Amino acid sequence: MGKLVVTGFVSLDGVHQAPGGPREDDRDGFAQGGWSVPYGDEGFGRFMAEVFDRAGAFLLGRRTYDIFAAFWPNVTDPADPIASRLNGLPKYVASTSLTDPAWQGTTVISGDLAKEVAAIKERTDGELQVHGSGALAHSLLALDLVDTVHLLTFPVVLGAGRRLFAEGTVPTAFTHTGGRVTETGVSIQSYDVAGRPRYGSYMD
C-alpha cells in the first residue's frame, strides 16, 4: 500500500498560487505568477529529484493536471528525474469535466473521491503524490487520506493570492519528520499527519 504525499510551494504569507510561471493561474487578477523561480537553486532541485524518485503514481487536480500535461510530455530526456516519472508512471486526475485525457497513462476519477483514492493508495507501490492541486489537497486532508506533507516555504511575501491552507481547511496536527534550508533560503520541511490538534493554555 502506498502513502499519499502532498508537496506544496508557499510564500511566507501562505500563498501557493502560480509559483512556476505567469500563465499558470491568474484567477482573481493574480499577476505575480512565477514567484518561486528565482529561488530554484541546486538544493531545491536536489530535493525535488528525491521526491519524484519515490513516486509510484500521481494524483492531480484538474488545473494542475492541465498545466503539467501542456509541458511535461514535451520533455523527452529519459534522464530527467521529473519528466521520466511524470510521463512514465500512472496519473490520476480528479475531475468531473475531463473525459478524454491526451496525456498517456492518465485515468480520470470522477466518483466517490474517498473510495477511489483509498483504492488507488491500496494498489500503489511507493508514493501516491499530489503536486500543486490546492483544492484537491484540502479535500484529501478533510477525508483523512493524506499521510505526509512536504512544505516548501520561499522567502517572499506576496500580499495576495490563493493560499494552500485557506480558511475552512480541516484542523490537522502534524509531526515534523525532517527539514533543510537551501542556499537561497527555501525552507523545506516534511510532516506526517498526526490527527486533529490538541489544545491547552499557557495561563493555567
C-alpha atoms as a PDB file:
ATOM      1  CA  MET A   1       0.000   0.000   0.000  1.00  0.00           C
ATOM      2  CA  GLY A   2       1.323   3.420  -0.924  1.00  0.00           C
ATOM      3  CA  LYS A   3       1.490   6.629   1.071  1.00  0.00           C
ATOM      4  CA  LEU A   4      -0.330   9.741  -0.084  1.00  0.00           C
ATOM      5  CA  VAL A   5       2.164  12.596  -0.092  1.00  0.00           C
ATOM      6  CA  VAL A   6       1.339  16.259  -0.760  1.00  0.00           C
ATOM      7  CA  THR A   7       4.139  18.594  -1.872  1.00  0.00           C
ATOM      8  CA  GLY A   8       3.266  22.278  -1.707  1.00  0.00           C
ATOM      9  CA  PHE A   9       5.094  25.512  -2.531  1.00  0.00           C
ATOM     10  CA  VAL A  10       4.103  28.534  -0.427  1.00  0.00           C
ATOM     11  CA  SER A  11       5.264  32.096   0.164  1.00  0.00           C
ATOM     12  CA  LEU A  12       5.933  33.349   3.688  1.00  0.00           C
ATOM     13  CA  ASP A  13       2.327  34.565   3.819  1.00  0.00           C
ATOM     14  CA  GLY A  14       0.990  31.194   2.682  1.00  0.00           C
ATOM     15  CA  VAL A  15       0.227  31.897  -0.990  1.00  0.00           C
ATOM     16  CA  HIS A  16       0.560  28.891  -3.302  1.00  0.00           C
ATOM     17  CA  GLN A  17      -0.985  30.310  -6.478  1.00  0.00           C
ATOM     18  CA  ALA A  18       1.078  30.123  -9.692  1.00  0.00           C
ATOM     19  CA  PRO A  19       4.553  29.507  -8.266  1.00  0.00           C
ATOM     20  CA  GLY A  20       6.020  28.322 -11.559  1.00  0.00           C
ATOM     21  CA  GLY A  21       5.105  30.936 -14.135  1.00  0.00           C
ATOM     22  CA  PRO A  22       2.974  33.980 -15.010  1.00  0.00           C
ATOM     23  CA  ARG A  23       0.480  31.972 -17.080  1.00  0.00           C
ATOM     24  CA  GLU A  24      -0.126  29.167 -14.583  1.00  0.00           C
ATOM     25  CA  ASP A  25      -3.056  30.672 -12.703  1.00  0.00           C
ATOM     26  CA  ASP A  26      -4.206  34.277 -12.941  1.00  0.00           C
ATOM     27  CA  ARG A  27      -7.553  33.832 -11.203  1.00  0.00           C
ATOM     28  CA  ASP A  28      -8.769  36.814  -9.179  1.00  0.00           C
ATOM     29  CA  GLY A  29      -6.408  39.045 -11.149  1.00  0.00           C
ATOM     30  CA  PHE A  30      -3.280  37.435  -9.666  1.00  0.00           C
ATOM     31  CA  ALA A  31      -0.312  38.977 -11.501  1.00  0.00           C
ATOM     32  CA  GLN A  32       2.668  37.606  -9.567  1.00  0.00           C
ATOM     33  CA  GLY A  33       2.970  34.177 -11.168  1.00  0.00           C
ATOM     34  CA  GLY A  34       6.451  32.684 -11.192  1.00  0.00           C
ATOM     35  CA  TRP A  35       7.411  33.907  -7.734  1.00  0.00           C
ATOM     36  CA  SER A  36       9.266  30.698  -6.786  1.00  0.00           C
ATOM     37  CA  VAL A  37      11.530  30.635  -9.856  1.00  0.00           C
ATOM     38  CA  PRO A  38      14.316  32.958  -8.572  1.00  0.00           C
ATOM     39  CA  TYR A  39      14.868  30.559  -5.657  1.00  0.00           C
ATOM     40  CA  GLY A  40      15.204  27.382  -7.741  1.00  0.00           C
ATOM     41  CA  ASP A  41      18.769  26.576  -6.734  1.00  0.00           C
ATOM     42  CA  GLU A  42      20.683  23.301  -6.665  1.00  0.00           C
ATOM     43  CA  GLY A  43      19.366  22.340  -3.224  1.00  0.00           C
ATOM     44  CA  PHE A  44      15.788  22.845  -4.345  1.00  0.00           C
ATOM     45  CA  GLY A  45      16.354  20.761  -7.461  1.00  0.00           C
ATOM     46  CA  ARG A  46      18.026  18.006  -5.473  1.00  0.00           C
ATOM     47  CA  PHE A  47      15.099  17.745  -3.070  1.00  0.00           C
ATOM     48  CA  MET A  48      12.538  17.632  -5.870  1.00  0.00           C
ATOM     49  CA  ALA A  49      14.512  14.882  -7.617  1.00  0.00           C
ATOM     50  CA  GLU A  50      14.467  12.904  -4.353  1.00  0.00           C
ATOM     51  CA  VAL A  51      10.696  13.347  -4.079  1.00  0.00           C
ATOM     52  CA  PHE A  52       9.981  12.202  -7.622  1.00  0.00           C
ATOM     53  CA  ASP A  53      12.319   9.243  -7.201  1.00  0.00           C
ATOM     54  CA  ARG A  54       9.899   7.862  -4.566  1.00  0.00           C
ATOM     55  CA  ALA A  55       6.815   8.247  -6.740  1.00  0.00           C
ATOM     56  CA  GLY A  56       4.646   5.290  -7.660  1.00  0.00           C
ATOM     57  CA  ALA A  57       1.775   7.298  -9.149  1.00  0.00           C
ATOM     58  CA  PHE A  58       0.420  10.849  -9.247  1.00  0.00           C
ATOM     59  CA  LEU A  59      -2.914  12.308  -8.177  1.00  0.00           C
ATOM     60  CA  LEU A  60      -3.670  15.780  -9.520  1.00  0.00           C
ATOM     61  CA  GLY A  61      -6.452  18.326  -9.577  1.00  0.00           C
ATOM     62  CA  ARG A  62      -7.750  19.399 -12.972  1.00  0.00           C
ATOM     63  CA  ARG A  63      -5.968  22.762 -13.110  1.00  0.00           C
ATOM     64  CA  THR A  64      -2.566  21.343 -12.146  1.00  0.00           C
ATOM     65  CA  TYR A  65      -3.096  18.421 -14.499  1.00  0.00           C
ATOM     66  CA  ASP A  66      -3.716  20.778 -17.427  1.00  0.00           C
ATOM     67  CA  ILE A  67      -0.565  22.778 -16.597  1.00  0.00           C
ATOM     68  CA  PHE A  68       1.563  19.627 -16.348  1.00  0.00           C
ATOM     69  CA  ALA A  69       0.034  17.995 -19.431  1.00  0.00           C
ATOM     70  CA  ALA A  70       0.876  21.050 -21.549  1.00  0.00           C
ATOM     71  CA  PHE A  71       4.555  20.909 -20.602  1.00  0.00           C
ATOM     72  CA  TRP A  72       5.954  17.615 -19.363  1.00  0.00           C
ATOM     73  CA  PRO A  73       5.114  15.350 -22.333  1.00  0.00           C
ATOM     74  CA  ASN A  74       7.433  17.584 -24.383  1.00  0.00           C
ATOM     75  CA  VAL A  75      10.382  16.830 -22.064  1.00  0.00           C
ATOM     76  CA  THR A  76      11.627  13.559 -23.531  1.00  0.00           C
ATOM     77  CA  ASP A  77      15.067  13.177 -21.928  1.00  0.00           C
ATOM     78  CA  PRO A  78      14.908   9.781 -20.152  1.00  0.00           C
ATOM     79  CA  ALA A  79      17.497  11.027 -17.658  1.00  0.00           C
ATOM     80  CA  ASP A  80      15.280  13.883 -16.469  1.00  0.00           C
ATOM     81  CA  PRO A  81      14.285  12.790 -12.937  1.00  0.00           C
ATOM     82  CA  ILE A  82      10.911  14.568 -13.029  1.00  0.00           C
ATOM     83  CA  ALA A  83       9.790  14.139 -16.638  1.00  0.00           C
ATOM     84  CA  SER A  84      10.659  10.447 -16.701  1.00  0.00           C
ATOM     85  CA  ARG A  85       8.390   9.812 -13.687  1.00  0.00           C
ATOM     86  CA  LEU A  86       5.532  12.046 -14.766  1.00  0.00           C
ATOM     87  CA  ASN A  87       5.476  10.636 -18.283  1.00  0.00           C
ATOM     88  CA  GLY A  88       6.049   7.020 -17.331  1.00  0.00           C
ATOM     89  CA  LEU A  89       4.010   6.453 -14.158  1.00  0.00           C
ATOM     90  CA  PRO A  90       0.214   6.267 -13.725  1.00  0.00           C
ATOM     91  CA  LYS A  91      -1.548   9.594 -13.363  1.00  0.00           C
ATOM     92  CA  TYR A  92      -4.974  10.114 -11.826  1.00  0.00           C
ATOM     93  CA  VAL A  93      -6.861  13.370 -12.243  1.00  0.00           C
ATOM     94  CA  ALA A  94      -9.853  14.280 -10.104  1.00  0.00           C
ATOM     95  CA  SER A  95     -12.320  15.907 -12.485  1.00  0.00           C
ATOM     96  CA  THR A  96     -15.980  15.821 -13.399  1.00  0.00           C
ATOM     97  CA  SER A  97     -15.419  17.567 -16.739  1.00  0.00           C
ATOM     98  CA  LEU A  98     -12.345  15.879 -18.262  1.00  0.00           C
ATOM     99  CA  THR A  99     -13.446  12.923 -20.362  1.00  0.00           C
ATOM    100  CA  ASP A 100     -10.678  12.185 -22.867  1.00  0.00           C
ATOM    101  CA  PRO A 101      -7.218  12.949 -21.449  1.00  0.00           C
ATOM    102  CA  ALA A 102      -4.465  13.032 -24.061  1.00  0.00           C
ATOM    103  CA  TRP A 103      -1.530  12.501 -21.682  1.00  0.00           C
ATOM    104  CA  GLN A 104      -0.594   8.836 -21.819  1.00  0.00           C
ATOM    105  CA  GLY A 105      -1.175   6.903 -18.611  1.00  0.00           C
ATOM    106  CA  THR A 106      -3.953   9.154 -17.296  1.00  0.00           C
ATOM    107  CA  THR A 107      -7.089   7.889 -15.560  1.00  0.00           C
ATOM    108  CA  VAL A 108      -9.912  10.270 -14.650  1.00  0.00           C
ATOM    109  CA  ILE A 109     -11.608   9.780 -11.285  1.00  0.00           C
ATOM    110  CA  SER A 110     -14.989  11.462 -11.012  1.00  0.00           C
ATOM    111  CA  GLY A 111     -16.922   9.384  -8.498  1.00  0.00           C
ATOM    112  CA  ASP A 112     -16.581   8.962  -4.730  1.00  0.00           C
ATOM    113  CA  LEU A 113     -13.229  10.643  -4.033  1.00  0.00           C
ATOM    114  CA  ALA A 114     -12.666   8.898  -0.696  1.00  0.00           C
ATOM    115  CA  LYS A 115     -13.381   5.445  -2.064  1.00  0.00           C
ATOM    116  CA  GLU A 116     -11.461   5.879  -5.309  1.00  0.00           C
ATOM    117  CA  VAL A 117      -8.350   7.425  -3.747  1.00  0.00           C
ATOM    118  CA  ALA A 118      -8.277   4.792  -0.989  1.00  0.00           C
ATOM    119  CA  ALA A 119      -8.345   2.104  -3.679  1.00  0.00           C
ATOM    120  CA  ILE A 120      -5.545   3.802  -5.630  1.00  0.00           C
ATOM    121  CA  LYS A 121      -3.414   4.015  -2.482  1.00  0.00           C
ATOM    122  CA  GLU A 122      -4.024   0.329  -1.842  1.00  0.00           C
ATOM    123  CA  ARG A 123      -2.651  -0.720  -5.231  1.00  0.00           C
ATOM    124  CA  THR A 124       0.213   1.793  -5.499  1.00  0.00           C
ATOM    125  CA  ASP A 125       3.785   0.741  -4.785  1.00  0.00           C
ATOM    126  CA  GLY A 126       5.660   3.751  -3.495  1.00  0.00           C
ATOM    127  CA  GLU A 127       4.119   7.163  -3.011  1.00  0.00           C
ATOM    128  CA  LEU A 128       0.890   8.462  -4.489  1.00  0.00           C
ATOM    129  CA  GLN A 129       1.999  12.053  -4.937  1.00  0.00           C
ATOM    130  CA  VAL A 130      -0.030  15.262  -5.102  1.00  0.00           C
ATOM    131  CA  HIS A 131       1.729  18.330  -6.530  1.00  0.00           C
ATOM    132  CA  GLY A 132       0.069  21.745  -6.552  1.00  0.00           C
ATOM    133  CA  SER A 133      -3.678  20.963  -6.622  1.00  0.00           C
ATOM    134  CA  GLY A 134      -4.619  23.086  -3.612  1.00  0.00           C
ATOM    135  CA  ALA A 135      -8.364  22.406  -3.688  1.00  0.00           C
ATOM    136  CA  LEU A 136      -7.747  18.683  -4.036  1.00  0.00           C
ATOM    137  CA  ALA A 137      -5.281  18.765  -1.128  1.00  0.00           C
ATOM    138  CA  HIS A 138      -7.967  20.403   1.063  1.00  0.00           C
ATOM    139  CA  SER A 139     -10.420  17.622   0.206  1.00  0.00           C
ATOM    140  CA  LEU A 140      -7.877  14.879   0.834  1.00  0.00           C
ATOM    141  CA  LEU A 141      -6.997  16.332   4.250  1.00  0.00           C
ATOM    142  CA  ALA A 142     -10.683  16.521   5.142  1.00  0.00           C
ATOM    143  CA  LEU A 143     -11.065  12.852   4.197  1.00  0.00           C
ATOM    144  CA  ASP A 144      -8.030  11.827   6.313  1.00  0.00           C
ATOM    145  CA  LEU A 145      -6.309  10.404   3.243  1.00  0.00           C
ATOM    146  CA  VAL A 146      -3.051  12.389   3.468  1.00  0.00           C
ATOM    147  CA  ASP A 147      -0.076  10.711   5.133  1.00  0.00           C
ATOM    148  CA  THR A 148       2.755  13.194   4.588  1.00  0.00           C
ATOM    149  CA  VAL A 149       3.150  16.860   3.602  1.00  0.00           C
ATOM    150  CA  HIS A 150       6.328  18.389   2.188  1.00  0.00           C
ATOM    151  CA  LEU A 151       6.015  22.148   2.625  1.00  0.00           C
ATOM    152  CA  LEU A 152       8.484  24.329   0.736  1.00  0.00           C
ATOM    153  CA  THR A 153       8.368  27.911   2.023  1.00  0.00           C
ATOM    154  CA  PHE A 154      10.004  30.541  -0.174  1.00  0.00           C
ATOM    155  CA  PRO A 155      11.443  33.775   1.284  1.00  0.00           C
ATOM    156  CA  VAL A 156       8.958  36.133  -0.330  1.00  0.00           C
ATOM    157  CA  VAL A 157       5.738  37.838   0.785  1.00  0.00           C
ATOM    158  CA  LEU A 158       3.135  38.328  -1.951  1.00  0.00           C
ATOM    159  CA  GLY A 159       0.298  40.033  -0.104  1.00  0.00           C
ATOM    160  CA  ALA A 160      -2.412  38.472  -2.271  1.00  0.00           C
ATOM    161  CA  GLY A 161      -3.266  35.177  -3.883  1.00  0.00           C
ATOM    162  CA  ARG A 162      -4.820  31.835  -3.086  1.00  0.00           C
ATOM    163  CA  ARG A 163      -3.442  30.089  -0.038  1.00  0.00           C
ATOM    164  CA  LEU A 164      -2.630  26.419   0.322  1.00  0.00           C
ATOM    165  CA  PHE A 165      -4.232  26.179   3.765  1.00  0.00           C
ATOM    166  CA  ALA A 166      -7.127  28.513   3.208  1.00  0.00           C
ATOM    167  CA  GLU A 167      -9.884  29.347   5.665  1.00  0.00           C
ATOM    168  CA  GLY A 168     -12.036  26.271   6.079  1.00  0.00           C
ATOM    169  CA  THR A 169      -9.183  23.762   5.935  1.00  0.00           C
ATOM    170  CA  VAL A 170      -9.845  20.929   8.382  1.00  0.00           C
ATOM    171  CA  PRO A 171      -7.757  21.457  11.571  1.00  0.00           C
ATOM    172  CA  THR A 172      -4.865  18.991  11.375  1.00  0.00           C
ATOM    173  CA  ALA A 173      -1.864  18.246  13.574  1.00  0.00           C
ATOM    174  CA  PHE A 174       1.471  17.137  12.164  1.00  0.00           C
ATOM    175  CA  THR A 175       4.679  15.508  13.369  1.00  0.00           C
ATOM    176  CA  HIS A 176       7.872  17.045  11.979  1.00  0.00           C
ATOM    177  CA  THR A 177       9.997  14.367  10.304  1.00  0.00           C
ATOM    178  CA  GLY A 178      12.824  16.322   8.703  1.00  0.00           C
ATOM    179  CA  GLY A 179      13.936  19.511   7.066  1.00  0.00           C
ATOM    180  CA  ARG A 180      16.609  21.556   5.383  1.00  0.00           C
ATOM    181  CA  VAL A 181      17.163  25.072   4.054  1.00  0.00           C
ATOM    182  CA  THR A 182      18.547  25.669   0.568  1.00  0.00           C
ATOM    183  CA  GLU A 183      21.231  28.149  -0.413  1.00  0.00           C
ATOM    184  CA  THR A 184      18.626  30.723  -1.494  1.00  0.00           C
ATOM    185  CA  GLY A 185      16.638  30.358   1.720  1.00  0.00           C
ATOM    186  CA  VAL A 186      13.875  27.940   0.738  1.00  0.00           C
ATOM    187  CA  SER A 187      12.766  26.150   3.914  1.00  0.00           C
ATOM    188  CA  ILE A 188      11.887  22.539   3.095  1.00  0.00           C
ATOM    189  CA  GLN A 189      10.054  20.793   5.920  1.00  0.00           C
ATOM    190  CA  SER A 190       8.400  17.385   5.995  1.00  0.00           C
ATOM    191  CA  TYR A 191       5.491  16.423   8.231  1.00  0.00           C
ATOM    192  CA  ASP A 192       3.453  13.299   8.879  1.00  0.00           C
ATOM    193  CA  VAL A 193      -0.235  13.787   9.614  1.00  0.00           C
ATOM    194  CA  ALA A 194      -0.935  13.179  13.319  1.00  0.00           C
ATOM    195  CA  GLY A 195      -4.704  13.547  13.588  1.00  0.00           C
ATOM    196  CA  ARG A 196      -6.570  16.520  14.999  1.00  0.00           C
ATOM    197  CA  PRO A 197      -4.845  19.265  17.018  1.00  0.00           C
ATOM    198  CA  ARG A 198      -4.746  19.186  20.811  1.00  0.00           C
ATOM    199  CA  TYR A 199      -5.245  22.383  22.779  1.00  0.00           C
ATOM    200  CA  GLY A 200      -4.106  23.827  26.093  1.00  0.00           C
ATOM    201  CA  SER A 201      -3.454  27.087  27.861  1.00  0.00           C
ATOM    202  CA  TYR A 202      -0.257  28.857  28.957  1.00  0.00           C
ATOM    203  CA  MET A 203      -2.303  30.772  31.533  1.00  0.00           C
ATOM    204  CA  ASP A 204      -3.318  27.823  33.747  1.00  0.00           C
END
